[in-house]
Amino acid sequence: MSTGRAAKPQHELTVFYDGACPLCKREIGHYQSMRGADRIEWVDITRDSVRLREHGLSLDQAMARFHVLQSDGAWQTGAYGFAALWQRLPALRWLALILQRLRLLPVADWLYTRFARHRLKRRCNGAVCA
């Protein structure tokens, strides 16, 4: 029996990104245009504080690192989050596989952490992010 309502699609991932950061917005926009992106929920952390609270994230936490929530409830952050995202995008799956098979994710995450700190300093005044 149909109720007339469409079922909410099950997303493989929820990606939390900084939509007010020009670099981040451009990169996420590129991912959103790729095949497979329709199976991903995209949450702009600067516009959706409710979703952050629903998942126990503060804006400061979300601004400090890239966060990806998998459908099984597991979190991936930083380079590990990007690898989880790339695995769901057929055109980039190879990149995630290389990082994993060559065991480069810890190095990539170390590099990402340094980049994220620099980005956060430029994006935020002191400890407060806009």
Protein backbone atom coordinates (compact mmCIF):
# COMPACT_ATOMS: atom_id res chain seq x y z
CA MET A 1 0.00 0.00 0.00
CA SER A 2 1.42 3.39 -1.00
CA THR A 3 1.07 6.41 1.24
CA GLY A 4 1.75 8.83 -1.59
CA ARG A 5 5.00 10.01 -0.02
CA ALA A 6 8.35 9.35 -1.59
CA ALA A 7 10.77 7.53 0.67
CA LYS A 8 13.73 9.59 1.79
CA PRO A 9 16.77 8.39 -0.15
CA GLN A 10 19.40 6.57 1.86
CA HIS A 11 22.69 8.40 1.56
CA GLU A 12 25.95 6.49 1.60
CA LEU A 13 27.73 9.45 3.18
CA THR A 14 27.03 12.81 4.72
CA VAL A 15 29.75 15.35 3.93
CA PHE A 16 30.13 18.41 6.17
CA TYR A 17 31.94 21.24 4.40
CA ASP A 18 32.64 24.96 4.77
CA GLY A 19 30.50 26.58 2.08
CA ALA A 20 31.82 30.05 2.97
CA CYS A 21 35.40 29.08 2.06
CA PRO A 22 35.93 29.78 -1.66
CA LEU A 23 38.45 26.96 -2.07
CA CYS A 24 36.28 24.45 -0.18
CA LYS A 25 33.13 25.49 -2.03
CA ARG A 26 34.84 25.12 -5.41
CA GLU A 27 36.22 21.67 -4.51
CA ILE A 28 32.88 20.42 -3.14
CA GLY A 29 31.10 21.84 -6.19
CA HIS A 30 33.40 19.75 -8.36
CA TYR A 31 32.58 16.62 -6.35
CA GLN A 32 28.86 17.41 -6.49
CA SER A 33 28.99 17.46 -10.29
CA MET A 34 30.42 13.94 -10.48
CA ARG A 35 28.63 10.66 -11.05
CA GLY A 36 27.73 9.15 -7.68
CA ALA A 37 27.31 12.51 -5.93
CA ASP A 38 23.55 12.03 -5.76
CA ARG A 39 24.10 9.27 -3.18
CA ILE A 40 25.86 11.73 -0.89
CA GLU A 41 24.25 14.27 1.41
CA TRP A 42 26.10 17.60 1.33
CA VAL A 43 25.85 19.78 4.45
CA ASP A 44 27.22 23.34 4.38
CA ILE A 45 28.28 23.84 8.00
CA THR A 46 27.97 27.61 7.71
CA ARG A 47 24.28 27.34 6.79
CA ASP A 48 23.03 24.31 8.69
CA SER A 49 23.84 24.47 12.40
CA VAL A 50 20.89 22.17 13.12
CA ARG A 51 22.56 19.30 11.26
CA LEU A 52 25.78 19.92 13.18
CA ARG A 53 23.94 19.74 16.51
CA GLU A 54 22.05 16.61 15.39
CA HIS A 55 25.38 14.87 14.97
CA GLY A 56 27.09 16.32 18.04
CA LEU A 57 29.47 18.58 16.13
CA SER A 58 30.25 22.14 17.09
CA LEU A 59 31.00 24.71 14.38
CA ASP A 60 34.58 24.95 15.68
CA GLN A 61 35.06 21.19 15.36
CA ALA A 62 33.56 21.16 11.88
CA MET A 63 35.69 24.12 10.80
CA ALA A 64 38.90 22.53 12.09
CA ARG A 65 38.68 19.32 10.02
CA PHE A 66 36.76 17.87 7.10
CA HIS A 67 34.07 15.52 8.48
CA VAL A 68 32.32 12.65 6.72
CA LEU A 69 29.64 10.51 8.35
CA GLN A 70 29.19 7.05 6.84
CA SER A 71 25.79 5.38 6.65
CA ASP A 72 26.85 2.93 9.39
CA GLY A 73 27.42 5.86 11.78
CA ALA A 74 31.23 5.82 11.58
CA TRP A 75 33.02 9.15 11.27
CA GLN A 76 35.99 9.80 9.01
CA THR A 77 37.87 13.08 9.22
CA GLY A 78 40.69 14.80 7.38
CA ALA A 79 42.33 12.77 4.62
CA TYR A 80 40.43 9.69 5.80
CA GLY A 81 37.21 11.60 5.13
CA PHE A 82 38.36 12.53 1.65
CA ALA A 83 39.25 8.89 0.96
CA ALA A 84 35.78 7.80 2.11
CA LEU A 85 34.26 10.41 -0.22
CA TRP A 86 36.48 9.48 -3.16
CA GLN A 87 35.55 5.80 -2.76
CA ARG A 88 31.91 6.75 -3.52
CA LEU A 89 32.78 8.76 -6.63
CA PRO A 90 33.67 6.34 -9.46
CA ALA A 91 35.99 8.82 -11.19
CA LEU A 92 38.08 9.21 -8.01
CA ARG A 93 37.86 5.72 -6.54
CA TRP A 94 41.35 4.97 -7.89
CA LEU A 95 42.82 7.77 -5.77
CA ALA A 96 41.34 6.37 -2.55
CA LEU A 97 42.60 2.89 -3.46
CA ILE A 98 46.15 4.14 -4.09
CA LEU A 99 46.24 5.98 -0.76
CA GLN A 100 44.95 2.91 1.06
CA ARG A 101 47.02 0.23 -0.68
CA LEU A 102 50.26 2.17 -0.45
CA ARG A 103 49.41 3.04 3.15
CA LEU A 104 49.72 6.75 2.41
CA LEU A 105 46.62 7.84 4.32
CA PRO A 106 48.52 8.64 7.55
CA VAL A 107 50.95 10.84 5.58
CA ALA A 108 48.11 12.45 3.64
CA ASP A 109 46.28 13.09 6.92
CA TRP A 110 49.41 14.66 8.45
CA LEU A 111 49.66 16.99 5.44
CA TYR A 112 45.93 17.74 5.55
CA THR A 113 46.18 18.63 9.25
CA ARG A 114 48.87 21.23 8.51
CA PHE A 115 46.83 22.66 5.64
CA ALA A 116 43.67 22.75 7.78
CA ARG A 117 45.44 24.68 10.55
CA HIS A 118 46.65 27.25 8.03
CA ARG A 119 43.17 27.51 6.46
CA LEU A 120 41.55 27.91 9.86
CA LYS A 121 43.94 30.70 10.89
CA ARG A 122 43.13 32.58 7.70
CA ARG A 123 39.39 31.87 7.98
CA CYS A 124 38.83 32.58 11.68
CA ASN A 125 39.68 35.42 14.05
CA GLY A 126 41.28 33.93 17.12
CA ALA A 127 39.08 31.05 18.27
CA VAL A 128 35.88 32.38 16.68
CA CYS A 129 34.85 31.37 13.17
CA ALA A 130 32.36 33.38 11.18
